[in-house]
Amino acid sequence: MKTLTARRRHVLALVANGNTNAQIGRLLGIHERTVNRHLAEIFQVLGARDRANAVAIALVVGELSPQHIHMPTEEAVA
């Protein structure tokens, strides 16, 4: 299986933490269209059908680890 680039792994970690494409673009200083392209490549490499499936597959195959995912604080949820 082909592996993800470090940038795409970073994008997927941000997805795993609940960020939208617009938020990811702002955090990384890239255009939202670039985030969309990264996600399309991530889906293709992993054989994923959507964001949640990509995160699940990435965890199973070792592209992401549980340490990449942070539980929201009560303040963030409220």
C-alpha atoms as a PDB file:
ATOM      1  CA  MET A   1       0.000   0.000   0.000  1.00  0.00           C
ATOM      2  CA  LYS A   2       1.157   3.507  -0.808  1.00  0.00           C
ATOM      3  CA  THR A   3       1.768   5.703   2.247  1.00  0.00           C
ATOM      4  CA  LEU A   4       0.637   9.238   2.989  1.00  0.00           C
ATOM      5  CA  THR A   5       2.994  12.191   2.817  1.00  0.00           C
ATOM      6  CA  ALA A   6       3.715  13.980   6.075  1.00  0.00           C
ATOM      7  CA  ARG A   7       1.506  16.894   4.946  1.00  0.00           C
ATOM      8  CA  ARG A   8      -1.429  14.634   4.115  1.00  0.00           C
ATOM      9  CA  ARG A   9      -0.986  12.788   7.411  1.00  0.00           C
ATOM     10  CA  HIS A  10      -1.131  16.190   9.157  1.00  0.00           C
ATOM     11  CA  VAL A  11      -4.314  17.092   7.246  1.00  0.00           C
ATOM     12  CA  LEU A  12      -5.870  13.764   8.243  1.00  0.00           C
ATOM     13  CA  ALA A  13      -4.927  14.306  11.896  1.00  0.00           C
ATOM     14  CA  LEU A  14      -6.694  17.662  11.765  1.00  0.00           C
ATOM     15  CA  VAL A  15      -9.729  15.936  10.216  1.00  0.00           C
ATOM     16  CA  ALA A  16      -9.620  13.334  13.001  1.00  0.00           C
ATOM     17  CA  ASN A  17      -9.838  16.165  15.512  1.00  0.00           C
ATOM     18  CA  GLY A  18     -13.055  17.480  13.991  1.00  0.00           C
ATOM     19  CA  ASN A  19     -11.779  20.396  11.901  1.00  0.00           C
ATOM     20  CA  THR A  20     -13.612  21.463   8.756  1.00  0.00           C
ATOM     21  CA  ASN A  21     -11.780  21.932   5.471  1.00  0.00           C
ATOM     22  CA  ALA A  22     -11.971  25.707   5.938  1.00  0.00           C
ATOM     23  CA  GLN A  23     -10.494  25.438   9.441  1.00  0.00           C
ATOM     24  CA  ILE A  24      -7.703  23.162   8.206  1.00  0.00           C
ATOM     25  CA  GLY A  25      -6.907  25.623   5.438  1.00  0.00           C
ATOM     26  CA  ARG A  26      -6.636  28.478   7.938  1.00  0.00           C
ATOM     27  CA  LEU A  27      -4.517  26.426  10.351  1.00  0.00           C
ATOM     28  CA  LEU A  28      -2.085  25.375   7.623  1.00  0.00           C
ATOM     29  CA  GLY A  29      -2.143  28.615   5.649  1.00  0.00           C
ATOM     30  CA  ILE A  30      -3.415  26.912   2.496  1.00  0.00           C
ATOM     31  CA  HIS A  31      -6.520  27.360   0.371  1.00  0.00           C
ATOM     32  CA  GLU A  32      -9.561  25.216   1.104  1.00  0.00           C
ATOM     33  CA  ARG A  33      -9.288  23.788  -2.453  1.00  0.00           C
ATOM     34  CA  THR A  34      -5.819  22.513  -1.545  1.00  0.00           C
ATOM     35  CA  VAL A  35      -7.282  20.805   1.515  1.00  0.00           C
ATOM     36  CA  ASN A  36      -9.886  19.195  -0.771  1.00  0.00           C
ATOM     37  CA  ARG A  37      -7.105  17.918  -3.069  1.00  0.00           C
ATOM     38  CA  HIS A  38      -5.204  16.503  -0.107  1.00  0.00           C
ATOM     39  CA  LEU A  39      -8.348  14.736   1.104  1.00  0.00           C
ATOM     40  CA  ALA A  40      -9.048  13.283  -2.340  1.00  0.00           C
ATOM     41  CA  GLU A  41      -5.513  11.843  -2.407  1.00  0.00           C
ATOM     42  CA  ILE A  42      -5.895  10.553   1.170  1.00  0.00           C
ATOM     43  CA  PHE A  43      -9.161   8.808   0.236  1.00  0.00           C
ATOM     44  CA  GLN A  44      -7.531   7.272  -2.851  1.00  0.00           C
ATOM     45  CA  VAL A  45      -4.411   6.050  -1.029  1.00  0.00           C
ATOM     46  CA  LEU A  46      -6.392   4.562   1.845  1.00  0.00           C
ATOM     47  CA  GLY A  47      -9.336   3.324  -0.223  1.00  0.00           C
ATOM     48  CA  ALA A  48     -11.650   5.348   1.992  1.00  0.00           C
ATOM     49  CA  ARG A  49     -15.143   6.537   1.100  1.00  0.00           C
ATOM     50  CA  ASP A  50     -15.374   9.488   3.515  1.00  0.00           C
ATOM     51  CA  ARG A  51     -13.593  11.371   6.299  1.00  0.00           C
ATOM     52  CA  ALA A  52     -14.555   9.023   9.130  1.00  0.00           C
ATOM     53  CA  ASN A  53     -13.624   5.962   7.079  1.00  0.00           C
ATOM     54  CA  ALA A  54     -10.251   7.526   6.213  1.00  0.00           C
ATOM     55  CA  VAL A  55      -9.478   8.151   9.888  1.00  0.00           C
ATOM     56  CA  ALA A  56     -10.516   4.605  10.833  1.00  0.00           C
ATOM     57  CA  ILE A  57      -8.412   3.029   8.085  1.00  0.00           C
ATOM     58  CA  ALA A  58      -5.436   5.260   8.920  1.00  0.00           C
ATOM     59  CA  LEU A  59      -5.590   4.133  12.556  1.00  0.00           C
ATOM     60  CA  VAL A  60      -5.708   0.465  11.563  1.00  0.00           C
ATOM     61  CA  VAL A  61      -2.831   0.647   9.045  1.00  0.00           C
ATOM     62  CA  GLY A  62      -0.654   2.861  11.238  1.00  0.00           C
ATOM     63  CA  GLU A  63      -0.816   6.128   9.260  1.00  0.00           C
ATOM     64  CA  LEU A  64      -2.292   7.769  12.376  1.00  0.00           C
ATOM     65  CA  SER A  65      -1.956   6.776  15.993  1.00  0.00           C
ATOM     66  CA  PRO A  66      -4.442   7.400  18.800  1.00  0.00           C
ATOM     67  CA  GLN A  67      -2.063  10.088  20.095  1.00  0.00           C
ATOM     68  CA  HIS A  68      -2.978  12.176  17.021  1.00  0.00           C
ATOM     69  CA  ILE A  69      -6.575  12.428  18.235  1.00  0.00           C
ATOM     70  CA  HIS A  70      -7.443  14.732  21.117  1.00  0.00           C
ATOM     71  CA  MET A  71     -10.636  14.624  23.114  1.00  0.00           C
ATOM     72  CA  PRO A  72     -12.374  18.009  23.191  1.00  0.00           C
ATOM     73  CA  THR A  73     -12.397  19.863  26.475  1.00  0.00           C
ATOM     74  CA  GLU A  74     -15.694  20.711  28.168  1.00  0.00           C
ATOM     75  CA  GLU A  75     -15.189  24.367  27.174  1.00  0.00           C
ATOM     76  CA  ALA A  76     -14.848  23.407  23.503  1.00  0.00           C
ATOM     77  CA  VAL A  77     -18.026  21.302  23.622  1.00  0.00           C
ATOM     78  CA  ALA A  78     -20.158  23.900  25.427  1.00  0.00           C
END
